[in-house]
N, C-alpha and C. Protein backbone atom coordinates (compact mmCIF):
# COMPACT_ATOMS: atom_id res chain seq x y z
N UNK A 1 56.17 -41.11 171.41
CA UNK A 1 56.76 -39.57 171.86
C UNK A 1 56.27 -38.39 171.50
N UNK A 2 56.67 -37.86 173.35
CA UNK A 2 55.51 -36.85 173.62
C UNK A 2 56.14 -35.47 173.77
N UNK A 3 56.21 -34.38 173.31
CA UNK A 3 56.50 -33.32 172.37
C UNK A 3 56.06 -32.95 173.79
N UNK A 4 57.19 -31.62 174.62
CA UNK A 4 56.92 -31.12 175.76
C UNK A 4 56.54 -29.48 175.19
N UNK A 5 55.63 -28.76 175.23
CA UNK A 5 56.30 -27.46 175.01
C UNK A 5 55.01 -26.36 175.71
N UNK A 6 55.96 -25.21 175.63
CA UNK A 6 55.59 -23.62 176.53
C UNK A 6 54.62 -23.33 175.81
N UNK A 7 53.38 -23.03 176.21
CA UNK A 7 52.46 -22.34 175.26
C UNK A 7 52.19 -20.65 175.94
N UNK A 8 51.89 -19.70 175.46
CA UNK A 8 52.06 -17.69 175.64
C UNK A 8 50.26 -18.04 177.14
N UNK A 9 49.90 -18.95 176.68
CA UNK A 9 47.83 -18.30 176.92
C UNK A 9 47.11 -19.88 177.30
N UNK A 10 46.00 -19.73 178.49
CA UNK A 10 45.27 -21.03 178.44
C UNK A 10 44.65 -20.98 177.01
N UNK A 11 44.27 -20.91 176.42
CA UNK A 11 43.29 -20.74 175.35
C UNK A 11 44.22 -21.63 174.67
N UNK A 12 45.79 -21.48 174.32
CA UNK A 12 46.34 -21.54 173.72
C UNK A 12 46.29 -23.13 173.41
N UNK A 13 46.74 -23.32 175.21
CA UNK A 13 46.68 -24.96 175.12
C UNK A 13 45.93 -25.45 174.82
N UNK A 14 45.21 -25.02 175.55
CA UNK A 14 43.60 -25.55 175.53
C UNK A 14 42.77 -26.40 174.38
N UNK A 15 43.37 -25.27 173.11
CA UNK A 15 43.29 -26.08 171.32
C UNK A 15 44.20 -26.52 171.24
N UNK A 16 46.18 -26.56 171.48
CA UNK A 16 46.19 -28.14 171.06
C UNK A 16 46.45 -29.29 172.38
N UNK A 17 45.17 -28.99 173.75
CA UNK A 17 45.24 -29.97 175.05
C UNK A 17 45.24 -31.81 174.49
N UNK A 18 44.04 -31.35 173.42
CA UNK A 18 43.33 -32.59 172.94
C UNK A 18 44.49 -33.77 171.64
N UNK A 19 45.09 -33.04 171.08
CA UNK A 19 46.73 -33.47 170.22
C UNK A 19 47.20 -34.87 171.02
N UNK A 20 47.21 -36.32 170.99
CA UNK A 20 48.06 -36.65 171.75
C UNK A 20 49.27 -36.85 171.86
N UNK A 21 49.85 -36.33 171.12
CA UNK A 21 51.74 -36.35 171.20
C UNK A 21 51.72 -34.96 171.79
N UNK A 22 51.47 -33.97 172.44
CA UNK A 22 51.62 -32.86 173.05
C UNK A 22 51.48 -32.95 174.79
N UNK A 23 52.44 -32.58 174.97
CA UNK A 23 52.30 -31.83 176.48
C UNK A 23 51.58 -30.84 176.25
N UNK A 24 51.11 -29.44 177.04
CA UNK A 24 51.12 -28.52 177.09
C UNK A 24 51.20 -27.68 178.18
N UNK A 25 51.99 -26.28 178.44
CA UNK A 25 52.07 -25.93 179.91
C UNK A 25 52.27 -24.55 179.04
N UNK A 26 51.45 -23.74 180.57
CA UNK A 26 51.61 -22.24 179.76
C UNK A 26 52.87 -21.42 180.26
N UNK A 27 52.85 -20.44 180.33
CA UNK A 27 54.18 -18.85 180.82
C UNK A 27 53.25 -17.67 179.67
N UNK A 28 53.04 -17.51 180.33
CA UNK A 28 52.21 -16.20 180.01
C UNK A 28 53.55 -15.01 179.53
N UNK A 29 54.43 -14.43 180.08
CA UNK A 29 55.46 -14.16 180.62
C UNK A 29 55.83 -13.57 181.99
N UNK A 30 55.51 -13.89 182.60
CA UNK A 30 55.32 -13.18 183.91
C UNK A 30 56.02 -14.49 185.14
N UNK A 31 56.67 -13.50 186.19
CA UNK A 31 57.03 -15.19 187.30
C UNK A 31 57.76 -16.69 186.46
N UNK A 32 57.95 -16.96 187.25
CA UNK A 32 58.76 -18.49 186.94
C UNK A 32 57.91 -19.51 185.94
N UNK A 33 59.38 -19.69 185.05
CA UNK A 33 58.12 -21.20 184.56
C UNK A 33 57.91 -22.45 185.92
N UNK A 34 56.74 -23.01 185.07
CA UNK A 34 56.36 -23.99 186.38
C UNK A 34 57.47 -25.06 186.14
N UNK A 35 57.82 -26.06 188.04
CA UNK A 35 58.36 -26.64 187.08
C UNK A 35 58.41 -28.08 185.59
N UNK A 36 57.00 -28.78 185.77
CA UNK A 36 56.37 -29.10 184.30
C UNK A 36 57.01 -28.49 183.51
N UNK A 37 56.47 -26.74 183.40
CA UNK A 37 56.81 -26.19 182.41
C UNK A 37 58.29 -26.12 181.84
N UNK A 38 59.53 -26.18 182.71
CA UNK A 38 61.19 -26.22 182.47
C UNK A 38 61.59 -27.97 181.68
N UNK A 39 60.34 -28.93 181.33
CA UNK A 39 61.18 -29.71 180.57
C UNK A 39 60.65 -29.55 179.24
N UNK A 40 60.02 -28.74 179.30
CA UNK A 40 59.65 -28.22 177.70
C UNK A 40 60.97 -27.88 176.44
N UNK A 41 60.17 -28.60 175.45
CA UNK A 41 61.83 -27.90 174.47
C UNK A 41 60.93 -27.00 173.56
N UNK A 42 60.29 -26.98 173.26
CA UNK A 42 59.24 -25.80 172.11
C UNK A 42 58.77 -25.24 173.18
N UNK A 43 59.03 -23.70 172.86
CA UNK A 43 58.95 -22.92 173.40
C UNK A 43 57.86 -21.06 172.60
N UNK A 44 57.06 -21.19 173.29
CA UNK A 44 56.31 -19.84 172.44
C UNK A 44 56.00 -18.49 173.17
N UNK A 45 56.51 -18.04 173.10
CA UNK A 45 56.27 -16.67 173.82
C UNK A 45 55.42 -15.88 173.54
N UNK A 46 54.72 -14.79 174.44
CA UNK A 46 53.56 -14.35 174.56
C UNK A 46 54.31 -12.96 172.60
N UNK A 47 53.19 -12.56 172.14
CA UNK A 47 53.42 -12.20 171.50
C UNK A 47 53.67 -10.59 171.52
N UNK A 48 54.67 -10.10 171.23
CA UNK A 48 55.07 -8.73 171.38
C UNK A 48 55.70 -8.02 172.58
N UNK A 49 55.75 -9.21 173.66
CA UNK A 49 56.13 -9.23 175.34
C UNK A 49 56.95 -8.97 175.77
N UNK A 50 57.78 -8.09 176.47
CA UNK A 50 58.57 -7.29 176.63
C UNK A 50 58.94 -8.76 178.29
N UNK A 51 60.26 -9.80 178.63
CA UNK A 51 60.99 -10.31 179.23
C UNK A 51 62.02 -10.10 179.45
N UNK A 52 62.39 -10.33 180.26
CA UNK A 52 63.86 -11.78 180.26
C UNK A 52 64.02 -12.42 179.89
N UNK A 53 64.50 -12.44 178.96
CA UNK A 53 64.52 -13.58 177.63
C UNK A 53 65.48 -14.59 178.02
N UNK A 54 66.41 -13.71 178.33
CA UNK A 54 67.99 -15.29 179.16
C UNK A 54 66.95 -15.71 180.46
N UNK A 55 66.58 -15.04 180.90
CA UNK A 55 66.14 -15.79 182.95
C UNK A 55 65.29 -16.82 182.42
N UNK A 56 64.38 -16.42 181.08
CA UNK A 56 63.30 -17.67 180.86
C UNK A 56 64.20 -18.28 180.07
N UNK A 57 65.42 -18.48 178.62
CA UNK A 57 65.91 -19.89 178.75
C UNK A 57 66.29 -20.19 180.01
N UNK A 58 67.09 -19.14 181.05
CA UNK A 58 68.43 -20.09 181.70
C UNK A 58 67.24 -21.22 182.55
N UNK A 59 65.48 -20.88 182.61
CA UNK A 59 64.82 -21.84 183.42
C UNK A 59 64.57 -23.45 181.78
N UNK A 60 64.85 -23.20 181.25
CA UNK A 60 64.60 -24.21 179.80
C UNK A 60 65.57 -24.95 179.86
N UNK A 61 66.35 -25.97 180.50
CA UNK A 61 67.40 -26.69 180.05
C UNK A 61 67.15 -27.95 178.96
N UNK A 62 66.61 -27.79 178.55
CA UNK A 62 65.55 -29.12 177.20
C UNK A 62 65.00 -28.44 175.81
N UNK A 63 65.46 -27.44 176.25
CA UNK A 63 64.65 -26.33 174.70
C UNK A 63 65.56 -26.21 173.76
N UNK A 64 65.18 -26.95 172.90
CA UNK A 64 65.07 -26.72 171.31
C UNK A 64 64.63 -25.86 170.10
N UNK A 65 63.88 -25.53 170.49
CA UNK A 65 63.26 -24.87 169.14
C UNK A 65 62.02 -23.40 170.52
N UNK A 66 62.52 -22.42 169.38
CA UNK A 66 61.90 -20.89 169.75
C UNK A 66 60.38 -20.52 168.91
N UNK A 67 59.77 -20.96 169.02
CA UNK A 67 58.57 -20.55 167.67
C UNK A 67 57.99 -19.43 167.76
N UNK A 68 58.21 -18.26 167.06
CA UNK A 68 57.69 -16.66 167.59
C UNK A 68 56.36 -16.75 167.13
N UNK A 69 55.42 -15.97 167.58
CA UNK A 69 54.42 -15.45 166.72
C UNK A 69 54.81 -14.39 165.70
């Protein structure tokens, strides 16, 4: 089973990209979540970001976990 994870930076995605059971997507907190990112079940939002959380949640219909930093 592959876990779809939405991460706050390219650096975080690169560090986790080698894990065989993760599929990493990036959302920095601005704009829209990518089509692929919308499949994420885990979201790690950017640290201390001021963003429209309700708007982001509305874009993540499969979301199960929010991991705060």
